[in-house]
Amino acid sequence: MKRNLNAAVSVFCLFLSVACAADKVWQSAGDGIWSDDANWTGGVPGNSDTAIFNNAISSDVIVDMDLPDQAITKLHLQNATAPWRRIFNG
């Protein structure tokens, strides 16, 4: 009985972590602070989220990583052929 309960709890926790994952898109056109909700669609990415940087930039851009232990599942960078860089500082 206890083993079945442990298995059920494990499956439920796995479901929650998958169900809560989201794509969070950086929407700032210039420099910005990672933890500022206004820089993201849907808020700052969390542990199970994907952080997406896909907006066109016309110069180097600095993203200040101001959270000490920010973890995400994926980092997706688009516009890789552009001559400009995204610099993650922190």
C-alpha atoms as a PDB file:
ATOM      1  CA  MET A   1       0.000   0.000   0.000  1.00  0.00           C
ATOM      2  CA  LYS A   2       2.759   2.440   0.954  1.00  0.00           C
ATOM      3  CA  ARG A   3       4.706   1.642  -2.232  1.00  0.00           C
ATOM      4  CA  ASN A   4       1.598   2.348  -4.342  1.00  0.00           C
ATOM      5  CA  LEU A   5       1.104   5.664  -2.571  1.00  0.00           C
ATOM      6  CA  ASN A   6       4.755   6.636  -3.159  1.00  0.00           C
ATOM      7  CA  ALA A   7       4.447   5.739  -6.846  1.00  0.00           C
ATOM      8  CA  ALA A   8       1.253   7.758  -7.178  1.00  0.00           C
ATOM      9  CA  VAL A   9       2.833  10.791  -5.510  1.00  0.00           C
ATOM     10  CA  SER A  10       5.892  10.531  -7.792  1.00  0.00           C
ATOM     11  CA  VAL A  11       3.734  10.391 -10.931  1.00  0.00           C
ATOM     12  CA  PHE A  12       1.650  13.331  -9.709  1.00  0.00           C
ATOM     13  CA  CYS A  13       4.769  15.443  -9.045  1.00  0.00           C
ATOM     14  CA  LEU A  14       6.147  14.604 -12.473  1.00  0.00           C
ATOM     15  CA  PHE A  15       2.844  15.606 -14.056  1.00  0.00           C
ATOM     16  CA  LEU A  16       2.874  18.936 -12.212  1.00  0.00           C
ATOM     17  CA  SER A  17       6.395  19.779 -13.329  1.00  0.00           C
ATOM     18  CA  VAL A  18       5.573  19.040 -16.981  1.00  0.00           C
ATOM     19  CA  ALA A  19       2.172  20.724 -16.901  1.00  0.00           C
ATOM     20  CA  CYS A  20       3.578  23.968 -15.496  1.00  0.00           C
ATOM     21  CA  ALA A  21       6.376  24.388 -18.047  1.00  0.00           C
ATOM     22  CA  ALA A  22       5.981  27.390 -20.343  1.00  0.00           C
ATOM     23  CA  ASP A  23       7.802  29.356 -23.004  1.00  0.00           C
ATOM     24  CA  LYS A  24       8.739  32.809 -21.712  1.00  0.00           C
ATOM     25  CA  VAL A  25       9.770  35.258 -24.438  1.00  0.00           C
ATOM     26  CA  TRP A  26      12.098  38.196 -23.798  1.00  0.00           C
ATOM     27  CA  GLN A  27      10.334  41.287 -25.161  1.00  0.00           C
ATOM     28  CA  SER A  28      12.762  44.054 -24.271  1.00  0.00           C
ATOM     29  CA  ALA A  29      14.259  45.730 -27.333  1.00  0.00           C
ATOM     30  CA  GLY A  30      17.390  46.752 -25.449  1.00  0.00           C
ATOM     31  CA  ASP A  31      19.273  46.100 -22.252  1.00  0.00           C
ATOM     32  CA  GLY A  32      17.296  44.736 -19.363  1.00  0.00           C
ATOM     33  CA  ILE A  33      17.113  43.034 -16.006  1.00  0.00           C
ATOM     34  CA  TRP A  34      16.291  39.313 -16.043  1.00  0.00           C
ATOM     35  CA  SER A  35      13.945  39.490 -13.030  1.00  0.00           C
ATOM     36  CA  ASP A  36      11.796  42.341 -14.407  1.00  0.00           C
ATOM     37  CA  ASP A  37       8.394  40.890 -15.347  1.00  0.00           C
ATOM     38  CA  ALA A  38       7.940  43.658 -17.931  1.00  0.00           C
ATOM     39  CA  ASN A  39      10.819  42.197 -19.983  1.00  0.00           C
ATOM     40  CA  TRP A  40       9.015  38.858 -20.487  1.00  0.00           C
ATOM     41  CA  THR A  41       5.719  37.682 -21.940  1.00  0.00           C
ATOM     42  CA  GLY A  42       4.074  35.725 -19.176  1.00  0.00           C
ATOM     43  CA  GLY A  43       6.518  36.765 -16.447  1.00  0.00           C
ATOM     44  CA  VAL A  44      10.052  35.764 -15.502  1.00  0.00           C
ATOM     45  CA  PRO A  45      10.979  32.167 -16.455  1.00  0.00           C
ATOM     46  CA  GLY A  46      11.033  29.597 -13.674  1.00  0.00           C
ATOM     47  CA  ASN A  47      12.756  26.245 -13.169  1.00  0.00           C
ATOM     48  CA  SER A  48      10.697  24.297 -15.710  1.00  0.00           C
ATOM     49  CA  ASP A  49      10.369  27.073 -18.316  1.00  0.00           C
ATOM     50  CA  THR A  50      12.142  27.855 -21.586  1.00  0.00           C
ATOM     51  CA  ALA A  51      13.631  31.352 -21.917  1.00  0.00           C
ATOM     52  CA  ILE A  52      13.390  32.507 -25.532  1.00  0.00           C
ATOM     53  CA  PHE A  53      15.286  35.439 -27.019  1.00  0.00           C
ATOM     54  CA  ASN A  54      13.985  35.965 -30.546  1.00  0.00           C
ATOM     55  CA  ASN A  55      13.508  39.680 -31.046  1.00  0.00           C
ATOM     56  CA  ALA A  56      15.663  41.503 -33.563  1.00  0.00           C
ATOM     57  CA  ILE A  57      18.402  43.639 -32.064  1.00  0.00           C
ATOM     58  CA  SER A  58      20.375  46.424 -33.726  1.00  0.00           C
ATOM     59  CA  SER A  59      23.309  46.533 -31.309  1.00  0.00           C
ATOM     60  CA  ASP A  60      24.854  44.467 -28.530  1.00  0.00           C
ATOM     61  CA  VAL A  61      22.363  43.913 -25.705  1.00  0.00           C
ATOM     62  CA  ILE A  62      23.171  43.237 -22.043  1.00  0.00           C
ATOM     63  CA  VAL A  63      20.816  41.124 -19.928  1.00  0.00           C
ATOM     64  CA  ASP A  64      21.593  41.555 -16.222  1.00  0.00           C
ATOM     65  CA  MET A  65      21.231  38.228 -14.431  1.00  0.00           C
ATOM     66  CA  ASP A  66      20.271  39.711 -11.071  1.00  0.00           C
ATOM     67  CA  LEU A  67      18.857  36.576  -9.437  1.00  0.00           C
ATOM     68  CA  PRO A  68      21.526  34.546  -7.618  1.00  0.00           C
ATOM     69  CA  ASP A  69      20.178  31.076  -8.424  1.00  0.00           C
ATOM     70  CA  GLN A  70      18.024  31.471 -11.515  1.00  0.00           C
ATOM     71  CA  ALA A  71      17.395  28.062 -13.084  1.00  0.00           C
ATOM     72  CA  ILE A  72      15.516  27.352 -16.296  1.00  0.00           C
ATOM     73  CA  THR A  73      15.038  24.210 -18.368  1.00  0.00           C
ATOM     74  CA  LYS A  74      16.100  25.641 -21.751  1.00  0.00           C
ATOM     75  CA  LEU A  75      17.630  28.772 -23.232  1.00  0.00           C
ATOM     76  CA  HIS A  76      16.615  29.374 -26.847  1.00  0.00           C
ATOM     77  CA  LEU A  77      18.481  32.044 -28.832  1.00  0.00           C
ATOM     78  CA  GLN A  78      17.262  32.984 -32.298  1.00  0.00           C
ATOM     79  CA  ASN A  79      18.694  35.430 -34.861  1.00  0.00           C
ATOM     80  CA  ALA A  80      22.058  33.713 -34.493  1.00  0.00           C
ATOM     81  CA  THR A  81      23.315  35.064 -37.829  1.00  0.00           C
ATOM     82  CA  ALA A  82      22.996  38.708 -36.787  1.00  0.00           C
ATOM     83  CA  PRO A  83      26.280  40.512 -36.068  1.00  0.00           C
ATOM     84  CA  TRP A  84      25.077  41.626 -32.654  1.00  0.00           C
ATOM     85  CA  ARG A  85      25.513  39.810 -29.351  1.00  0.00           C
ATOM     86  CA  ARG A  86      23.377  39.178 -26.313  1.00  0.00           C
ATOM     87  CA  ILE A  87      25.592  39.446 -23.271  1.00  0.00           C
ATOM     88  CA  PHE A  88      24.414  37.793 -20.071  1.00  0.00           C
ATOM     89  CA  ASN A  89      25.980  39.634 -17.154  1.00  0.00           C
ATOM     90  CA  GLY A  90      25.893  38.305 -13.625  1.00  0.00           C
END
